[in-house]
Structures are given as structure tokens and as C-alpha cells.
Amino acid sequence: MQRWQDWVNLVLGIWLILSPWILGFSGTPAAMWNAVIVGVVVGLMALMHLRGGPLWEEWVNVVLGVWLILSPWILGFSGMANALWNAVIVGVLVGALALSATRETPKAA
């Protein structure tokens, strides 16, 4: 079953991949690679679920959302406002959207 949340998470994954260059933090490897790698995985999980994948893919995106929120401090780029807020805001959105999709999923899925 396709959910609007998966489409939005796909867009957020693409945004994460492009954001280091759009927001100007591509010169900071930790922030750049974090955004690119997490963006690829978020996008892949959304695509897999759009194609009828299992519920665990949504839970992967919940974990990735939490990781994005914490990553600026763990990876040491919390001093870069653009990279920090990008990670935190997108992390909240990805996690909340994935959680809301799990609540809509029938228990048998």
C-alpha cells in the first residue's frame, strides 16, 4: 500500500543527497557524507516501501531520523548552523513520517 509519507520521505532523501551543495557544507566531510549516505538510505527505504516492501523499512527510517537529529554532535559538525539545522529538521520529518506510516499499517502487514 502506497502512503503519502513514503513519497515525502523519498523527496527528503533526495534533498539530503543534494543539501551539502545547496546549503554550502560540502567542504565539511563529516556533514557532507552523513547527509549523502543517510539520504541514499532514506530514499531507498521509501522506494522499497512504495513497491510494497515490509514494515521494517519504515522502522529503518525512524532510526535514521533519530540518527540525523543526533549526528551533528556525534560527528562534530554542530557548529555549522546550516548543516546542524538541516540534519535536525530533516531527521524530525523523516522519523515522524515513518512513525506515522507504521501507525497506518495494518497489524498483519
C-alpha atoms as a PDB file:
ATOM      1  CA  MET A   1       0.000   0.000   0.000  1.00  0.00           C
ATOM      2  CA  GLN A   2       1.430   3.353  -1.019  1.00  0.00           C
ATOM      3  CA  ARG A   3       1.392   6.113   1.557  1.00  0.00           C
ATOM      4  CA  TRP A   4       1.971   9.793   1.093  1.00  0.00           C
ATOM      5  CA  GLN A   5       4.603   9.598   3.840  1.00  0.00           C
ATOM      6  CA  ASP A   6       6.780   7.372   1.649  1.00  0.00           C
ATOM      7  CA  TRP A   7       6.633   9.891  -1.196  1.00  0.00           C
ATOM      8  CA  VAL A   8       7.623  12.724   1.156  1.00  0.00           C
ATOM      9  CA  ASN A   9      10.470  10.642   2.615  1.00  0.00           C
ATOM     10  CA  LEU A  10      11.668   9.932  -0.934  1.00  0.00           C
ATOM     11  CA  VAL A  11      11.799  13.684  -1.583  1.00  0.00           C
ATOM     12  CA  LEU A  12      13.571  14.231   1.759  1.00  0.00           C
ATOM     13  CA  GLY A  13      16.124  11.565   0.828  1.00  0.00           C
ATOM     14  CA  ILE A  14      16.832  13.361  -2.452  1.00  0.00           C
ATOM     15  CA  TRP A  15      17.048  16.658  -0.568  1.00  0.00           C
ATOM     16  CA  LEU A  16      19.585  15.172   1.859  1.00  0.00           C
ATOM     17  CA  ILE A  17      21.756  13.982  -1.043  1.00  0.00           C
ATOM     18  CA  LEU A  18      21.750  17.442  -2.641  1.00  0.00           C
ATOM     19  CA  SER A  19      21.761  19.577   0.522  1.00  0.00           C
ATOM     20  CA  PRO A  20      25.548  19.764   1.117  1.00  0.00           C
ATOM     21  CA  TRP A  21      25.943  21.641  -2.166  1.00  0.00           C
ATOM     22  CA  ILE A  22      22.721  23.646  -1.933  1.00  0.00           C
ATOM     23  CA  LEU A  23      23.379  24.742   1.659  1.00  0.00           C
ATOM     24  CA  GLY A  24      27.141  25.058   1.270  1.00  0.00           C
ATOM     25  CA  PHE A  25      28.555  22.470   3.643  1.00  0.00           C
ATOM     26  CA  SER A  26      30.081  20.140   1.055  1.00  0.00           C
ATOM     27  CA  GLY A  27      33.538  21.190   2.301  1.00  0.00           C
ATOM     28  CA  THR A  28      32.895  19.520   5.655  1.00  0.00           C
ATOM     29  CA  PRO A  29      33.339  15.793   5.013  1.00  0.00           C
ATOM     30  CA  ALA A  30      31.513  14.511   8.109  1.00  0.00           C
ATOM     31  CA  ALA A  31      28.419  16.620   7.438  1.00  0.00           C
ATOM     32  CA  MET A  32      28.500  16.015   3.690  1.00  0.00           C
ATOM     33  CA  TRP A  33      28.910  12.230   3.821  1.00  0.00           C
ATOM     34  CA  ASN A  34      26.366  11.941   6.607  1.00  0.00           C
ATOM     35  CA  ALA A  35      23.765  13.762   4.501  1.00  0.00           C
ATOM     36  CA  VAL A  36      24.584  11.840   1.319  1.00  0.00           C
ATOM     37  CA  ILE A  37      24.696   8.358   2.862  1.00  0.00           C
ATOM     38  CA  VAL A  38      21.616   8.841   5.032  1.00  0.00           C
ATOM     39  CA  GLY A  39      19.818  10.453   2.094  1.00  0.00           C
ATOM     40  CA  VAL A  40      20.516   7.443  -0.112  1.00  0.00           C
ATOM     41  CA  VAL A  41      19.277   5.010   2.541  1.00  0.00           C
ATOM     42  CA  VAL A  42      16.164   7.081   3.375  1.00  0.00           C
ATOM     43  CA  GLY A  43      15.343   7.294  -0.328  1.00  0.00           C
ATOM     44  CA  LEU A  44      15.909   3.572  -0.863  1.00  0.00           C
ATOM     45  CA  MET A  45      13.750   2.640   2.118  1.00  0.00           C
ATOM     46  CA  ALA A  46      10.952   4.899   0.840  1.00  0.00           C
ATOM     47  CA  LEU A  47      11.229   3.417  -2.660  1.00  0.00           C
ATOM     48  CA  MET A  48      11.199  -0.124  -1.307  1.00  0.00           C
ATOM     49  CA  HIS A  49       8.101   0.577   0.746  1.00  0.00           C
ATOM     50  CA  LEU A  50       6.395   2.263  -2.199  1.00  0.00           C
ATOM     51  CA  ARG A  51       6.917  -1.007  -4.078  1.00  0.00           C
ATOM     52  CA  GLY A  52       5.121  -2.940  -1.351  1.00  0.00           C
ATOM     53  CA  GLY A  53       8.050  -3.687   0.922  1.00  0.00           C
ATOM     54  CA  PRO A  54       7.785  -4.844   4.531  1.00  0.00           C
ATOM     55  CA  LEU A  55       7.119  -2.669   7.556  1.00  0.00           C
ATOM     56  CA  TRP A  56      10.715  -2.895   8.849  1.00  0.00           C
ATOM     57  CA  GLU A  57      11.723  -0.389   6.167  1.00  0.00           C
ATOM     58  CA  GLU A  58       9.679   2.266   7.958  1.00  0.00           C
ATOM     59  CA  TRP A  59      11.453   1.406  11.205  1.00  0.00           C
ATOM     60  CA  VAL A  60      14.811   1.850   9.469  1.00  0.00           C
ATOM     61  CA  ASN A  61      13.714   5.383   8.560  1.00  0.00           C
ATOM     62  CA  VAL A  62      12.663   6.014  12.177  1.00  0.00           C
ATOM     63  CA  VAL A  63      16.171   5.032  13.314  1.00  0.00           C
ATOM     64  CA  LEU A  64      17.730   7.163  10.562  1.00  0.00           C
ATOM     65  CA  GLY A  65      15.615  10.121  11.678  1.00  0.00           C
ATOM     66  CA  VAL A  66      16.924   9.763  15.233  1.00  0.00           C
ATOM     67  CA  TRP A  67      20.473   9.401  13.880  1.00  0.00           C
ATOM     68  CA  LEU A  68      20.102  12.606  11.835  1.00  0.00           C
ATOM     69  CA  ILE A  69      18.944  14.504  14.919  1.00  0.00           C
ATOM     70  CA  LEU A  70      21.940  13.317  16.978  1.00  0.00           C
ATOM     71  CA  SER A  71      24.581  13.225  14.234  1.00  0.00           C
ATOM     72  CA  PRO A  72      25.742  16.868  14.367  1.00  0.00           C
ATOM     73  CA  TRP A  73      27.007  16.318  17.913  1.00  0.00           C
ATOM     74  CA  ILE A  74      28.240  12.778  17.377  1.00  0.00           C
ATOM     75  CA  LEU A  75      30.116  13.652  14.180  1.00  0.00           C
ATOM     76  CA  GLY A  76      31.251  17.084  15.368  1.00  0.00           C
ATOM     77  CA  PHE A  77      29.561  19.498  12.969  1.00  0.00           C
ATOM     78  CA  SER A  78      27.144  21.097  15.434  1.00  0.00           C
ATOM     79  CA  GLY A  79      28.986  24.402  14.997  1.00  0.00           C
ATOM     80  CA  MET A  80      27.818  24.677  11.392  1.00  0.00           C
ATOM     81  CA  ALA A  81      24.303  26.107  11.612  1.00  0.00           C
ATOM     82  CA  ASN A  82      23.239  25.156   8.091  1.00  0.00           C
ATOM     83  CA  ALA A  83      24.372  21.529   8.413  1.00  0.00           C
ATOM     84  CA  LEU A  84      23.071  21.281  12.001  1.00  0.00           C
ATOM     85  CA  TRP A  85      19.573  22.552  11.261  1.00  0.00           C
ATOM     86  CA  ASN A  86      19.345  20.582   8.035  1.00  0.00           C
ATOM     87  CA  ALA A  87      20.114  17.354   9.903  1.00  0.00           C
ATOM     88  CA  VAL A  88      17.799  18.117  12.823  1.00  0.00           C
ATOM     89  CA  ILE A  89      14.811  19.312  10.777  1.00  0.00           C
ATOM     90  CA  VAL A  90      15.056  16.560   8.173  1.00  0.00           C
ATOM     91  CA  GLY A  91      15.630  13.998  10.934  1.00  0.00           C
ATOM     92  CA  VAL A  92      12.461  15.058  12.744  1.00  0.00           C
ATOM     93  CA  LEU A  93      10.484  14.951   9.486  1.00  0.00           C
ATOM     94  CA  VAL A  94      11.834  11.573   8.318  1.00  0.00           C
ATOM     95  CA  GLY A  95      11.293   9.961  11.717  1.00  0.00           C
ATOM     96  CA  ALA A  96       7.822  11.424  12.235  1.00  0.00           C
ATOM     97  CA  LEU A  97       6.670  10.482   8.730  1.00  0.00           C
ATOM     98  CA  ALA A  98       7.948   6.926   9.085  1.00  0.00           C
ATOM     99  CA  LEU A  99       6.321   6.579  12.509  1.00  0.00           C
ATOM    100  CA  SER A 100       3.025   7.863  11.169  1.00  0.00           C
ATOM    101  CA  ALA A 101       3.212   5.333   8.321  1.00  0.00           C
ATOM    102  CA  THR A 102       3.728   2.489  10.810  1.00  0.00           C
ATOM    103  CA  ARG A 103       0.618   3.570  12.701  1.00  0.00           C
ATOM    104  CA  GLU A 104      -1.434   3.342   9.484  1.00  0.00           C
ATOM    105  CA  THR A 105      -0.140  -0.114   8.627  1.00  0.00           C
ATOM    106  CA  PRO A 106      -2.493  -2.982   9.421  1.00  0.00           C
ATOM    107  CA  LYS A 107      -1.079  -5.311  12.091  1.00  0.00           C
ATOM    108  CA  ALA A 108      -0.976  -8.218   9.610  1.00  0.00           C
ATOM    109  CA  ALA A 109       1.427  -6.367   7.299  1.00  0.00           C
END
